[in-house]
PDB file of N, CA and C in Angstrom:
ATOM      1  N   MET A   1     -31.263  16.388-187.572  1.00  0.00           N
ATOM      2  CA  MET A   1     -31.640  15.660-186.387  1.00  0.00           C
ATOM      3  C   MET A   1     -32.954  16.217-185.807  1.00  0.00           C
ATOM      4  N   VAL A   2     -33.072  17.522-185.810  1.00  0.00           N
ATOM      5  CA  VAL A   2     -34.283  18.154-185.291  1.00  0.00           C
ATOM      6  C   VAL A   2     -35.496  17.743-186.115  1.00  0.00           C
ATOM      7  N   LEU A   3     -35.331  17.701-187.414  1.00  0.00           N
ATOM      8  CA  LEU A   3     -36.431  17.294-188.294  1.00  0.00           C
ATOM      9  C   LEU A   3     -36.871  15.862-188.008  1.00  0.00           C
ATOM     10  N   GLY A   4     -35.922  14.979-187.746  1.00  0.00           N
ATOM     11  CA  GLY A   4     -36.248  13.592-187.428  1.00  0.00           C
ATOM     12  C   GLY A   4     -36.996  13.454-186.120  1.00  0.00           C
ATOM     13  N   VAL A   5     -36.577  14.202-185.105  1.00  0.00           N
ATOM     14  CA  VAL A   5     -37.262  14.144-183.809  1.00  0.00           C
ATOM     15  C   VAL A   5     -38.669  14.720-183.923  1.00  0.00           C
ATOM     16  N   LEU A   6     -38.813  15.815-184.664  1.00  0.00           N
ATOM     17  CA  LEU A   6     -40.154  16.381-184.867  1.00  0.00           C
ATOM     18  C   LEU A   6     -41.065  15.419-185.623  1.00  0.00           C
ATOM     19  N   ALA A   7     -40.516  14.742-186.606  1.00  0.00           N
ATOM     20  CA  ALA A   7     -41.306  13.745-187.340  1.00  0.00           C
ATOM     21  C   ALA A   7     -41.710  12.595-186.425  1.00  0.00           C
ATOM     22  N   ALA A   8     -40.792  12.176-185.537  1.00  0.00           N
ATOM     23  CA  ALA A   8     -41.117  11.102-184.594  1.00  0.00           C
ATOM     24  C   ALA A   8     -42.208  11.534-183.628  1.00  0.00           C
ATOM     25  N   LEU A   9     -42.149  12.771-183.155  1.00  0.00           N
ATOM     26  CA  LEU A   9     -43.199  13.267-182.263  1.00  0.00           C
ATOM     27  C   LEU A   9     -44.544  13.303-182.967  1.00  0.00           C
ATOM     28  N   LEU A  10     -44.547  13.710-184.212  1.00  0.00           N
ATOM     29  CA  LEU A  10     -45.789  13.738-184.982  1.00  0.00           C
ATOM     30  C   LEU A  10     -46.329  12.329-185.204  1.00  0.00           C
ATOM     31  N   LEU A  11     -45.448  11.407-185.559  1.00  0.00           N
ATOM     32  CA  LEU A  11     -45.888  10.045-185.866  1.00  0.00           C
ATOM     33  C   LEU A  11     -46.169   9.217-184.622  1.00  0.00           C
ATOM     34  N   ASN A  12     -45.883   9.754-183.453  1.00  0.00           N
ATOM     35  CA  ASN A  12     -46.191   9.061-182.211  1.00  0.00           C
ATOM     36  C   ASN A  12     -47.632   9.338-181.766  1.00  0.00           C
ATOM     37  N   GLN A  13     -48.297  10.316-182.393  1.00  0.00           N
ATOM     38  CA  GLN A  13     -49.677  10.657-182.067  1.00  0.00           C
ATOM     39  C   GLN A  13     -50.622   9.663-182.741  1.00  0.00           C
ATOM     40  N   GLN A  14     -51.802   9.529-182.186  1.00  0.00           N
ATOM     41  CA  GLN A  14     -52.823   8.658-182.767  1.00  0.00           C
ATOM     42  C   GLN A  14     -53.618   9.440-183.807  1.00  0.00           C
ATOM     43  N   PHE A  15     -53.596   9.000-185.059  1.00  0.00           N
ATOM     44  CA  PHE A  15     -54.418   9.580-186.108  1.00  0.00           C
ATOM     45  C   PHE A  15     -54.587   8.562-187.218  1.00  0.00           C
ATOM     46  N   ARG A  16     -55.574   8.795-188.039  1.00  0.00           N
ATOM     47  CA  ARG A  16     -55.890   7.874-189.126  1.00  0.00           C
ATOM     48  C   ARG A  16     -54.780   7.934-190.185  1.00  0.00           C
ATOM     49  N   GLY A  17     -54.302   6.778-190.615  1.00  0.00           N
ATOM     50  CA  GLY A  17     -53.266   6.709-191.632  1.00  0.00           C
ATOM     51  C   GLY A  17     -51.853   6.790-191.089  1.00  0.00           C
ATOM     52  N   ARG A  18     -51.710   6.656-189.779  1.00  0.00           N
ATOM     53  CA  ARG A  18     -50.390   6.783-189.158  1.00  0.00           C
ATOM     54  C   ARG A  18     -49.436   5.710-189.657  1.00  0.00           C
ATOM     55  N   THR A  19     -49.902   4.495-189.807  1.00  0.00           N
ATOM     56  CA  THR A  19     -49.042   3.395-190.256  1.00  0.00           C
ATOM     57  C   THR A  19     -48.557   3.641-191.684  1.00  0.00           C
ATOM     58  N   ALA A  20     -49.443   4.094-192.544  1.00  0.00           N
ATOM     59  CA  ALA A  20     -49.050   4.378-193.933  1.00  0.00           C
ATOM     60  C   ALA A  20     -48.046   5.526-193.989  1.00  0.00           C
ATOM     61  N   LEU A  21     -48.254   6.547-193.170  1.00  0.00           N
ATOM     62  CA  LEU A  21     -47.330   7.675-193.150  1.00  0.00           C
ATOM     63  C   LEU A  21     -45.958   7.261-192.616  1.00  0.00           C
ATOM     64  N   ARG A  22     -45.946   6.373-191.626  1.00  0.00           N
ATOM     65  CA  ARG A  22     -44.666   5.859-191.118  1.00  0.00           C
ATOM     66  C   ARG A  22     -43.921   5.100-192.204  1.00  0.00           C
ATOM     67  N   ALA A  23     -44.651   4.310-192.972  1.00  0.00           N
ATOM     68  CA  ALA A  23     -44.018   3.549-194.052  1.00  0.00           C
ATOM     69  C   ALA A  23     -43.478   4.483-195.137  1.00  0.00           C
ATOM     70  N   LEU A  24     -44.233   5.515-195.479  1.00  0.00           N
ATOM     71  CA  LEU A  24     -43.770   6.472-196.488  1.00  0.00           C
ATOM     72  C   LEU A  24     -42.591   7.302-195.993  1.00  0.00           C
ATOM     73  N   MET A  25     -42.552   7.574-194.688  1.00  0.00           N
ATOM     74  CA  MET A  25     -41.468   8.373-194.144  1.00  0.00           C
ATOM     75  C   MET A  25     -40.128   7.660-194.259  1.00  0.00           C
ATOM     76  N   ILE A  26     -40.128   6.354-194.185  1.00  0.00           N
ATOM     77  CA  ILE A  26     -38.891   5.574-194.241  1.00  0.00           C
ATOM     78  C   ILE A  26     -38.330   5.525-195.666  1.00  0.00           C
ATOM     79  N   LEU A  27     -39.146   5.840-196.651  1.00  0.00           N
ATOM     80  CA  LEU A  27     -38.749   5.709-198.048  1.00  0.00           C
ATOM     81  C   LEU A  27     -37.442   6.424-198.415  1.00  0.00           C
ATOM     82  N   PRO A  28     -37.217   7.697-198.044  1.00  0.00           N
ATOM     83  CA  PRO A  28     -35.949   8.330-198.436  1.00  0.00           C
ATOM     84  C   PRO A  28     -34.723   7.613-197.875  1.00  0.00           C
ATOM     85  N   TRP A  29     -34.835   7.071-196.693  1.00  0.00           N
ATOM     86  CA  TRP A  29     -33.709   6.362-196.083  1.00  0.00           C
ATOM     87  C   TRP A  29     -33.528   4.977-196.692  1.00  0.00           C
ATOM     88  N   ALA A  30     -34.627   4.338-197.076  1.00  0.00           N
ATOM     89  CA  ALA A  30     -34.563   2.980-197.608  1.00  0.00           C
ATOM     90  C   ALA A  30     -34.084   2.937-199.062  1.00  0.00           C
ATOM     91  N   LEU A  31     -34.260   4.024-199.783  1.00  0.00           N
ATOM     92  CA  LEU A  31     -33.793   4.058-201.170  1.00  0.00           C
ATOM     93  C   LEU A  31     -32.270   4.007-201.216  1.00  0.00           C
ATOM     94  N   PRO A  32     -31.712   3.332-202.189  1.00  0.00           N
ATOM     95  CA  PRO A  32     -30.248   3.335-202.316  1.00  0.00           C
ATOM     96  C   PRO A  32     -29.724   4.757-202.543  1.00  0.00           C
ATOM     97  N   THR A  33     -28.521   5.002-202.103  1.00  0.00           N
ATOM     98  CA  THR A  33     -27.925   6.332-202.208  1.00  0.00           C
ATOM     99  C   THR A  33     -27.820   6.791-203.660  1.00  0.00           C
ATOM    100  N   VAL A  34     -27.561   5.871-204.555  1.00  0.00           N
ATOM    101  CA  VAL A  34     -27.462   6.231-205.981  1.00  0.00           C
ATOM    102  C   VAL A  34     -28.799   6.759-206.492  1.00  0.00           C
ATOM    103  N   VAL A  35     -29.878   6.137-206.092  1.00  0.00           N
ATOM    104  CA  VAL A  35     -31.206   6.584-206.519  1.00  0.00           C
ATOM    105  C   VAL A  35     -31.507   7.958-205.930  1.00  0.00           C
ATOM    106  N   ASN A  36     -31.212   8.140-204.648  1.00  0.00           N
ATOM    107  CA  ASN A  36     -31.424   9.443-204.016  1.00  0.00           C
ATOM    108  C   ASN A  36     -30.604  10.524-204.701  1.00  0.00           C
ATOM    109  N   ALA A  37     -29.356  10.231-204.991  1.00  0.00           N
ATOM    110  CA  ALA A  37     -28.489  11.218-205.652  1.00  0.00           C
ATOM    111  C   ALA A  37     -29.026  11.574-207.030  1.00  0.00           C
ATOM    112  N   THR A  38     -29.523  10.593-207.757  1.00  0.00           N
ATOM    113  CA  THR A  38     -30.079  10.857-209.087  1.00  0.00           C
ATOM    114  C   THR A  38     -31.338  11.716-209.002  1.00  0.00           C
ATOM    115  N   LEU A  39     -32.190  11.431-208.029  1.00  0.00           N
ATOM    116  CA  LEU A  39     -33.404  12.238-207.847  1.00  0.00           C
ATOM    117  C   LEU A  39     -33.065  13.690-207.527  1.00  0.00           C
ATOM    118  N   TRP A  40     -32.114  13.894-206.615  1.00  0.00           N
ATOM    119  CA  TRP A  40     -31.737  15.266-206.250  1.00  0.00           C
ATOM    120  C   TRP A  40     -31.021  15.968-207.398  1.00  0.00           C
ATOM    121  N   ARG A  41     -30.264  15.227-208.199  1.00  0.00           N
ATOM    122  CA  ARG A  41     -29.621  15.835-209.368  1.00  0.00           C
ATOM    123  C   ARG A  41     -30.688  16.335-210.344  1.00  0.00           C
ATOM    124  N   LEU A  42     -31.767  15.574-210.496  1.00  0.00           N
ATOM    125  CA  LEU A  42     -32.862  16.013-211.358  1.00  0.00           C
ATOM    126  C   LEU A  42     -33.608  17.209-210.762  1.00  0.00           C
ATOM    127  N   ILE A  43     -33.774  17.220-209.458  1.00  0.00           N
ATOM    128  CA  ILE A  43     -34.445  18.355-208.808  1.00  0.00           C
ATOM    129  C   ILE A  43     -33.623  19.630-208.965  1.00  0.00           C
ATOM    130  N   TYR A  44     -32.303  19.523-208.798  1.00  0.00           N
ATOM    131  CA  TYR A  44     -31.417  20.690-208.859  1.00  0.00           C
ATOM    132  C   TYR A  44     -30.923  21.009-210.272  1.00  0.00           C
ATOM    133  N   ASN A  45     -31.360  20.292-211.288  1.00  0.00           N
ATOM    134  CA  ASN A  45     -30.863  20.492-212.647  1.00  0.00           C
ATOM    135  C   ASN A  45     -31.054  21.944-213.077  1.00  0.00           C
ATOM    136  N   PRO A  46     -29.982  22.579-213.621  1.00  0.00           N
ATOM    137  CA  PRO A  46     -30.088  24.001-213.981  1.00  0.00           C
ATOM    138  C   PRO A  46     -30.937  24.275-215.222  1.00  0.00           C
ATOM    139  N   GLU A  47     -31.222  23.272-216.033  1.00  0.00           N
ATOM    140  CA  GLU A  47     -31.983  23.504-217.266  1.00  0.00           C
ATOM    141  C   GLU A  47     -33.462  23.143-217.146  1.00  0.00           C
ATOM    142  N   TYR A  48     -33.775  22.069-216.433  1.00  0.00           N
ATOM    143  CA  TYR A  48     -35.174  21.636-216.338  1.00  0.00           C
ATOM    144  C   TYR A  48     -35.529  21.098-214.949  1.00  0.00           C
ATOM    145  N   GLY A  49     -34.814  21.518-213.929  1.00  0.00           N
ATOM    146  CA  GLY A  49     -35.024  21.006-212.585  1.00  0.00           C
ATOM    147  C   GLY A  49     -36.354  21.409-211.977  1.00  0.00           C
ATOM    148  N   ALA A  50     -36.872  20.542-211.140  1.00  0.00           N
ATOM    149  CA  ALA A  50     -38.168  20.786-210.508  1.00  0.00           C
ATOM    150  C   ALA A  50     -38.103  21.966-209.541  1.00  0.00           C
ATOM    151  N   LEU A  51     -36.991  22.143-208.859  1.00  0.00           N
ATOM    152  CA  LEU A  51     -36.866  23.270-207.919  1.00  0.00           C
ATOM    153  C   LEU A  51     -36.894  24.596-208.669  1.00  0.00           C
ATOM    154  N   ASN A  52     -36.140  24.692-209.763  1.00  0.00           N
ATOM    155  CA  ASN A  52     -36.157  25.912-210.570  1.00  0.00           C
ATOM    156  C   ASN A  52     -37.553  26.201-211.113  1.00  0.00           C
ATOM    157  N   ALA A  53     -38.236  25.172-211.603  1.00  0.00           N
ATOM    158  CA  ALA A  53     -39.575  25.361-212.162  1.00  0.00           C
ATOM    159  C   ALA A  53     -40.549  25.858-211.101  1.00  0.00           C
ATOM    160  N   ALA A  54     -40.496  25.270-209.916  1.00  0.00           N
ATOM    161  CA  ALA A  54     -41.415  25.679-208.843  1.00  0.00           C
ATOM    162  C   ALA A  54     -41.117  27.107-208.380  1.00  0.00           C
ATOM    163  N   LEU A  55     -39.841  27.413-208.177  1.00  0.00           N
ATOM    164  CA  LEU A  55     -39.489  28.755-207.711  1.00  0.00           C
ATOM    165  C   LEU A  55     -39.787  29.818-208.769  1.00  0.00           C
ATOM    166  N   LEU A  56     -39.607  29.486-210.031  1.00  0.00           N
ATOM    167  CA  LEU A  56     -39.927  30.414-211.112  1.00  0.00           C
ATOM    168  C   LEU A  56     -41.433  30.642-211.200  1.00  0.00           C
ATOM    169  N   GLN A  57     -42.208  29.582-211.028  1.00  0.00           N
ATOM    170  CA  GLN A  57     -43.663  29.704-211.109  1.00  0.00           C
ATOM    171  C   GLN A  57     -44.219  30.541-209.959  1.00  0.00           C
ATOM    172  N   PHE A  58     -43.620  30.423-208.773  1.00  0.00           N
ATOM    173  CA  PHE A  58     -44.080  31.214-207.628  1.00  0.00           C
ATOM    174  C   PHE A  58     -43.461  32.605-207.589  1.00  0.00           C
ATOM    175  N   GLY A  59     -42.593  32.920-208.539  1.00  0.00           N
ATOM    176  CA  GLY A  59     -42.015  34.252-208.626  1.00  0.00           C
ATOM    177  C   GLY A  59     -40.870  34.510-207.657  1.00  0.00           C
ATOM    178  N   VAL A  60     -40.279  33.470-207.113  1.00  0.00           N
ATOM    179  CA  VAL A  60     -39.166  33.637-206.168  1.00  0.00           C
ATOM    180  C   VAL A  60     -37.875  33.963-206.921  1.00  0.00           C
ATOM    181  N   ILE A  61     -37.676  33.351-208.090  1.00  0.00           N
ATOM    182  CA  ILE A  61     -36.507  33.628-208.914  1.00  0.00           C
ATOM    183  C   ILE A  61     -36.969  34.107-210.287  1.00  0.00           C
ATOM    184  N   ASP A  62     -36.076  34.834-210.982  1.00  0.00           N
ATOM    185  CA  ASP A  62     -36.422  35.373-212.301  1.00  0.00           C
ATOM    186  C   ASP A  62     -36.045  34.434-213.436  1.00  0.00           C
ATOM    187  N   SER A  63     -35.004  33.646-213.239  1.00  0.00           N
ATOM    188  CA  SER A  63     -34.562  32.712-214.284  1.00  0.00           C
ATOM    189  C   SER A  63     -33.969  31.475-213.620  1.00  0.00           C
ATOM    190  N   TYR A  64     -33.838  30.434-214.408  1.00  0.00           N
ATOM    191  CA  TYR A  64     -33.263  29.191-213.877  1.00  0.00           C
ATOM    192  C   TYR A  64     -31.825  29.445-213.425  1.00  0.00           C
ATOM    193  N   ARG A  65     -31.413  28.777-212.357  1.00  0.00           N
ATOM    194  CA  ARG A  65     -30.040  28.925-211.876  1.00  0.00           C
ATOM    195  C   ARG A  65     -29.438  27.562-211.585  1.00  0.00           C
ATOM    196  N   SER A  66     -28.139  27.512-211.552  1.00  0.00           N
ATOM    197  CA  SER A  66     -27.413  26.276-211.294  1.00  0.00           C
ATOM    198  C   SER A  66     -27.155  26.165-209.790  1.00  0.00           C
ATOM    199  N   TRP A  67     -27.947  25.362-209.111  1.00  0.00           N
ATOM    200  CA  TRP A  67     -27.838  25.248-207.655  1.00  0.00           C
ATOM    201  C   TRP A  67     -26.537  24.578-207.240  1.00  0.00           C
ATOM    202  N   LEU A  68     -26.091  23.601-207.988  1.00  0.00           N
ATOM    203  CA  LEU A  68     -24.863  22.894-207.624  1.00  0.00           C
ATOM    204  C   LEU A  68     -23.627  23.515-208.268  1.00  0.00           C
ATOM    205  N   GLY A  69     -23.811  24.451-209.184  1.00  0.00           N
ATOM    206  CA  GLY A  69     -22.688  25.074-209.870  1.00  0.00           C
ATOM    207  C   GLY A  69     -22.213  26.361-209.233  1.00  0.00           C
ATOM    208  N   GLU A  70     -22.979  26.915-208.305  1.00  0.00           N
ATOM    209  CA  GLU A  70     -22.607  28.160-207.635  1.00  0.00           C
ATOM    210  C   GLU A  70     -22.106  27.845-206.236  1.00  0.00           C
ATOM    211  N   PRO A  71     -20.948  28.390-205.854  1.00  0.00           N
ATOM    212  CA  PRO A  71     -20.382  28.074-204.531  1.00  0.00           C
ATOM    213  C   PRO A  71     -21.293  28.468-203.370  1.00  0.00           C
ATOM    214  N   GLY A  72     -22.070  29.523-203.535  1.00  0.00           N
ATOM    215  CA  GLY A  72     -22.932  29.978-202.447  1.00  0.00           C
ATOM    216  C   GLY A  72     -24.103  29.062-202.156  1.00  0.00           C
ATOM    217  N   SER A  73     -24.574  28.345-203.169  1.00  0.00           N
ATOM    218  CA  SER A  73     -25.754  27.508-202.960  1.00  0.00           C
ATOM    219  C   SER A  73     -25.449  26.014-202.992  1.00  0.00           C
ATOM    220  N   ALA A  74     -24.268  25.625-203.416  1.00  0.00           N
ATOM    221  CA  ALA A  74     -23.952  24.198-203.547  1.00  0.00           C
ATOM    222  C   ALA A  74     -23.954  23.491-202.199  1.00  0.00           C
ATOM    223  N   LEU A  75     -23.325  24.092-201.198  1.00  0.00           N
ATOM    224  CA  LEU A  75     -23.273  23.450-199.881  1.00  0.00           C
ATOM    225  C   LEU A  75     -24.670  23.336-199.278  1.00  0.00           C
ATOM    226  N   ALA A  76     -25.450  24.390-199.387  1.00  0.00           N
ATOM    227  CA  ALA A  76     -26.816  24.350-198.847  1.00  0.00           C
ATOM    228  C   ALA A  76     -27.652  23.286-199.562  1.00  0.00           C
ATOM    229  N   ALA A  77     -27.484  23.164-200.868  1.00  0.00           N
ATOM    230  CA  ALA A  77     -28.228  22.158-201.628  1.00  0.00           C
ATOM    231  C   ALA A  77     -27.845  20.746-201.191  1.00  0.00           C
ATOM    232  N   LEU A  78     -26.567  20.521-200.957  1.00  0.00           N
ATOM    233  CA  LEU A  78     -26.122  19.201-200.505  1.00  0.00           C
ATOM    234  C   LEU A  78     -26.596  18.900-199.084  1.00  0.00           C
ATOM    235  N   ILE A  79     -26.630  19.912-198.237  1.00  0.00           N
ATOM    236  CA  ILE A  79     -27.123  19.714-196.865  1.00  0.00           C
ATOM    237  C   ILE A  79     -28.601  19.343-196.878  1.00  0.00           C
ATOM    238  N   VAL A  80     -29.385  19.999-197.718  1.00  0.00           N
ATOM    239  CA  VAL A  80     -30.816  19.673-197.823  1.00  0.00           C
ATOM    240  C   VAL A  80     -30.998  18.233-198.292  1.00  0.00           C
ATOM    241  N   ALA A  81     -30.233  17.831-199.316  1.00  0.00           N
ATOM    242  CA  ALA A  81     -30.344  16.464-199.826  1.00  0.00           C
ATOM    243  C   ALA A  81     -29.924  15.446-198.776  1.00  0.00           C
ATOM    244  N   ASP A  82     -28.877  15.735-198.016  1.00  0.00           N
ATOM    245  CA  ASP A  82     -28.418  14.814-196.984  1.00  0.00           C
ATOM    246  C   ASP A  82     -29.416  14.719-195.828  1.00  0.00           C
ATOM    247  N   CYS A  83     -29.984  15.842-195.437  1.00  0.00           N
ATOM    248  CA  CYS A  83     -31.009  15.815-194.377  1.00  0.00           C
ATOM    249  C   CYS A  83     -32.224  15.010-194.823  1.00  0.00           C
ATOM    250  N   TRP A  84     -32.611  15.171-196.083  1.00  0.00           N
ATOM    251  CA  TRP A  84     -33.736  14.410-196.618  1.00  0.00           C
ATOM    252  C   TRP A  84     -33.454  12.913-196.567  1.00  0.00           C
ATOM    253  N   LYS A  85     -32.225  12.530-196.856  1.00  0.00           N
ATOM    254  CA  LYS A  85     -31.849  11.118-196.873  1.00  0.00           C
ATOM    255  C   LYS A  85     -31.826  10.532-195.463  1.00  0.00           C
ATOM    256  N   ASN A  86     -31.382  11.312-194.458  1.00  0.00           N
ATOM    257  CA  ASN A  86     -31.106  10.743-193.139  1.00  0.00           C
ATOM    258  C   ASN A  86     -32.111  11.065-192.039  1.00  0.00           C
ATOM    259  N   PHE A  87     -33.034  12.001-192.247  1.00  0.00           N
ATOM    260  CA  PHE A  87     -33.975  12.297-191.168  1.00  0.00           C
ATOM    261  C   PHE A  87     -34.882  11.113-190.820  1.00  0.00           C
ATOM    262  N   PRO A  88     -35.255  10.226-191.748  1.00  0.00           N
ATOM    263  CA  PRO A  88     -36.077   9.083-191.350  1.00  0.00           C
ATOM    264  C   PRO A  88     -35.375   8.139-190.375  1.00  0.00           C
ATOM    265  N   LEU A  89     -34.050   8.035-190.473  1.00  0.00           N
ATOM    266  CA  LEU A  89     -33.321   7.182-189.548  1.00  0.00           C
ATOM    267  C   LEU A  89     -33.420   7.734-188.127  1.00  0.00           C
ATOM    268  N   VAL A  90     -33.264   9.036-187.966  1.00  0.00           N
ATOM    269  CA  VAL A  90     -33.396   9.659-186.637  1.00  0.00           C
ATOM    270  C   VAL A  90     -34.812   9.470-186.113  1.00  0.00           C
ATOM    271  N   ALA A  91     -35.808   9.654-186.972  1.00  0.00           N
ATOM    272  CA  ALA A  91     -37.199   9.470-186.551  1.00  0.00           C
ATOM    273  C   ALA A  91     -37.464   8.021-186.153  1.00  0.00           C
ATOM    274  N   LEU A  92     -36.921   7.088-186.889  1.00  0.00           N
ATOM    275  CA  LEU A  92     -37.100   5.672-186.580  1.00  0.00           C
ATOM    276  C   LEU A  92     -36.483   5.327-185.233  1.00  0.00           C
ATOM    277  N   ILE A  93     -35.304   5.832-184.972  1.00  0.00           N
ATOM    278  CA  ILE A  93     -34.649   5.585-183.683  1.00  0.00           C
ATOM    279  C   ILE A  93     -35.456   6.209-182.549  1.00  0.00           C
ATOM    280  N   ALA A  94     -35.961   7.416-182.768  1.00  0.00           N
ATOM    281  CA  ALA A  94     -36.757   8.073-181.733  1.00  0.00           C
ATOM    282  C   ALA A  94     -38.085   7.355-181.498  1.00  0.00           C
ATOM    283  N   LEU A  95     -38.662   6.764-182.540  1.00  0.00           N
ATOM    284  CA  LEU A  95     -39.924   6.044-182.388  1.00  0.00           C
ATOM    285  C   LEU A  95     -39.751   4.688-181.712  1.00  0.00           C
ATOM    286  N   CYS A  96     -38.562   4.119-181.753  1.00  0.00           N
ATOM    287  CA  CYS A  96     -38.347   2.774-181.230  1.00  0.00           C
ATOM    288  C   CYS A  96     -38.096   2.723-179.736  1.00  0.00           C
ATOM    289  N   ARG A  97     -38.052   3.838-179.069  1.00  0.00           N
ATOM    290  CA  ARG A  97     -37.831   3.821-177.627  1.00  0.00           C
ATOM    291  C   ARG A  97     -39.064   3.273-176.919  1.00  0.00           C
ATOM    292  N   PRO A  98     -38.892   2.604-175.784  1.00  0.00           N
ATOM    293  CA  PRO A  98     -40.065   2.145-175.022  1.00  0.00           C
ATOM    294  C   PRO A  98     -40.860   3.346-174.519  1.00  0.00           C
ATOM    295  N   PRO A  99     -42.160   3.416-174.775  1.00  0.00           N
ATOM    296  CA  PRO A  99     -42.922   4.625-174.468  1.00  0.00           C
ATOM    297  C   PRO A  99     -43.008   4.984-172.996  1.00  0.00           C
ATOM    298  N   GLY A 100     -43.136   4.041-172.100  1.00  0.00           N
ATOM    299  CA  GLY A 100     -43.274   4.362-170.685  1.00  0.00           C
ATOM    300  C   GLY A 100     -41.967   4.648-170.001  1.00  0.00           C
ATOM    301  N   ARG A 101     -40.894   4.203-170.564  1.00  0.00           N
ATOM    302  CA  ARG A 101     -39.592   4.333-169.926  1.00  0.00           C
ATOM    303  C   ARG A 101     -39.143   5.786-169.811  1.00  0.00           C
ATOM    304  N   ALA A 102     -39.372   6.583-170.834  1.00  0.00           N
ATOM    305  CA  ALA A 102     -38.943   7.978-170.813  1.00  0.00           C
ATOM    306  C   ALA A 102     -39.684   8.759-169.729  1.00  0.00           C
ATOM    307  N   ALA A 103     -40.974   8.522-169.594  1.00  0.00           N
ATOM    308  CA  ALA A 103     -41.752   9.237-168.576  1.00  0.00           C
ATOM    309  C   ALA A 103     -41.263   8.882-167.171  1.00  0.00           C
ATOM    310  N   ARG A 104     -40.984   7.592-166.941  1.00  0.00           N
ATOM    311  CA  ARG A 104     -40.463   7.190-165.626  1.00  0.00           C
ATOM    312  C   ARG A 104     -39.108   7.827-165.361  1.00  0.00           C
ATOM    313  N   TYR A 105     -38.274   7.874-166.377  1.00  0.00           N
ATOM    314  CA  TYR A 105     -36.942   8.464-166.231  1.00  0.00           C
ATOM    315  C   TYR A 105     -37.052   9.946-165.888  1.00  0.00           C
ATOM    316  N   HIS A 106     -37.946  10.670-166.553  1.00  0.00           N
ATOM    317  CA  HIS A 106     -38.097  12.098-166.285  1.00  0.00           C
ATOM    318  C   HIS A 106     -38.652  12.353-164.891  1.00  0.00           C
ATOM    319  N   ARG A 107     -39.599  11.516-164.443  1.00  0.00           N
ATOM    320  CA  ARG A 107     -40.115  11.678-163.082  1.00  0.00           C
ATOM    321  C   ARG A 107     -39.023  11.439-162.045  1.00  0.00           C
ATOM    322  N   ARG A 108     -38.218  10.403-162.254  1.00  0.00           N
ATOM    323  CA  ARG A 108     -37.125  10.093-161.340  1.00  0.00           C
ATOM    324  C   ARG A 108     -36.094  11.220-161.311  1.00  0.00           C
ATOM    325  N   LEU A 109     -35.779  11.749-162.466  1.00  0.00           N
ATOM    326  CA  LEU A 109     -34.824  12.843-162.562  1.00  0.00           C
ATOM    327  C   LEU A 109     -35.361  14.090-161.864  1.00  0.00           C
ATOM    328  N   ALA A 110     -36.649  14.373-162.024  1.00  0.00           N
ATOM    329  CA  ALA A 110     -37.254  15.535-161.359  1.00  0.00           C
ATOM    330  C   ALA A 110     -37.206  15.381-159.844  1.00  0.00           C
ATOM    331  N   ARG A 111     -37.480  14.164-159.332  1.00  0.00           N
ATOM    332  CA  ARG A 111     -37.402  13.938-157.886  1.00  0.00           C
ATOM    333  C   ARG A 111     -35.988  14.153-157.367  1.00  0.00           C
ATOM    334  N   ARG A 112     -35.004  13.675-158.102  1.00  0.00           N
ATOM    335  CA  ARG A 112     -33.606  13.854-157.675  1.00  0.00           C
ATOM    336  C   ARG A 112     -33.226  15.318-157.637  1.00  0.00           C
ATOM    337  N   TRP A 113     -33.605  16.059-158.669  1.00  0.00           N
ATOM    338  CA  TRP A 113     -33.275  17.475-158.692  1.00  0.00           C
ATOM    339  C   TRP A 113     -34.003  18.237-157.592  1.00  0.00           C
ATOM    340  N   ARG A 114     -35.265  17.877-157.353  1.00  0.00           N
ATOM    341  CA  ARG A 114     -36.014  18.526-156.283  1.00  0.00           C
ATOM    342  C   ARG A 114     -35.329  18.280-154.948  1.00  0.00           C
ATOM    343  N   GLY A 115     -34.918  17.032-154.701  1.00  0.00           N
ATOM    344  CA  GLY A 115     -34.229  16.714-153.458  1.00  0.00           C
ATOM    345  C   GLY A 115     -32.902  17.436-153.343  1.00  0.00           C
ATOM    346  N   ALA A 116     -32.172  17.514-154.426  1.00  0.00           N
ATOM    347  CA  ALA A 116     -30.881  18.215-154.403  1.00  0.00           C
ATOM    348  C   ALA A 116     -31.063  19.689-154.161  1.00  0.00           C
ATOM    349  N   LEU A 117     -32.076  20.302-154.767  1.00  0.00           N
ATOM    350  CA  LEU A 117     -32.333  21.710-154.572  1.00  0.00           C
ATOM    351  C   LEU A 117     -32.777  22.006-153.148  1.00  0.00           C
ATOM    352  N   GLN A 118     -33.590  21.122-152.557  1.00  0.00           N
ATOM    353  CA  GLN A 118     -34.006  21.301-151.175  1.00  0.00           C
ATOM    354  C   GLN A 118     -32.822  21.207-150.228  1.00  0.00           C
ATOM    355  N   THR A 119     -31.904  20.294-150.505  1.00  0.00           N
ATOM    356  CA  THR A 119     -30.716  20.149-149.682  1.00  0.00           C
ATOM    357  C   THR A 119     -29.846  21.389-149.770  1.00  0.00           C
ATOM    358  N   VAL A 120     -29.670  21.932-150.962  1.00  0.00           N
ATOM    359  CA  VAL A 120     -28.832  23.115-151.152  1.00  0.00           C
ATOM    360  C   VAL A 120     -29.493  24.317-150.501  1.00  0.00           C
ATOM    361  N   SER A 121     -30.803  24.489-150.651  1.00  0.00           N
ATOM    362  CA  SER A 121     -31.475  25.645-150.079  1.00  0.00           C
ATOM    363  C   SER A 121     -31.562  25.557-148.554  1.00  0.00           C
ATOM    364  N   ALA A 122     -31.524  24.362-147.975  1.00  0.00           N
ATOM    365  CA  ALA A 122     -31.578  24.210-146.513  1.00  0.00           C
ATOM    366  C   ALA A 122     -30.253  24.581-145.864  1.00  0.00           C
ATOM    367  N   THR A 123     -29.167  24.487-146.588  1.00  0.00           N
ATOM    368  CA  THR A 123     -27.850  24.806-145.994  1.00  0.00           C
ATOM    369  C   THR A 123     -27.495  26.239-146.110  1.00  0.00           C
TER     370      THR A 123
END
């Protein structure tokens, strides 16, 4: 959820290519679950997976390992894949809010709290 909100904050800024980046960000969520699962299975493959190759090349690991076959890393691997699949939905929801409404709501809330604090401190 945090990743989705951070992505929405980034994509809410004005910069060149923002529309293209928004379209690319939706891709993991728009892909069918079967396709996403197949891609992650290839990434985590213990014999020729992209994650093993990258980590081996950077010297993080000494040999290929089975990410989904070890109890210590299987849950973390599934959480990463699930976050990748669902963070665009959170970002999309965060981007769809009316832009001026949140600022008005926060100003109104600040006035109420200020008034409540003044009332409490006066008594």
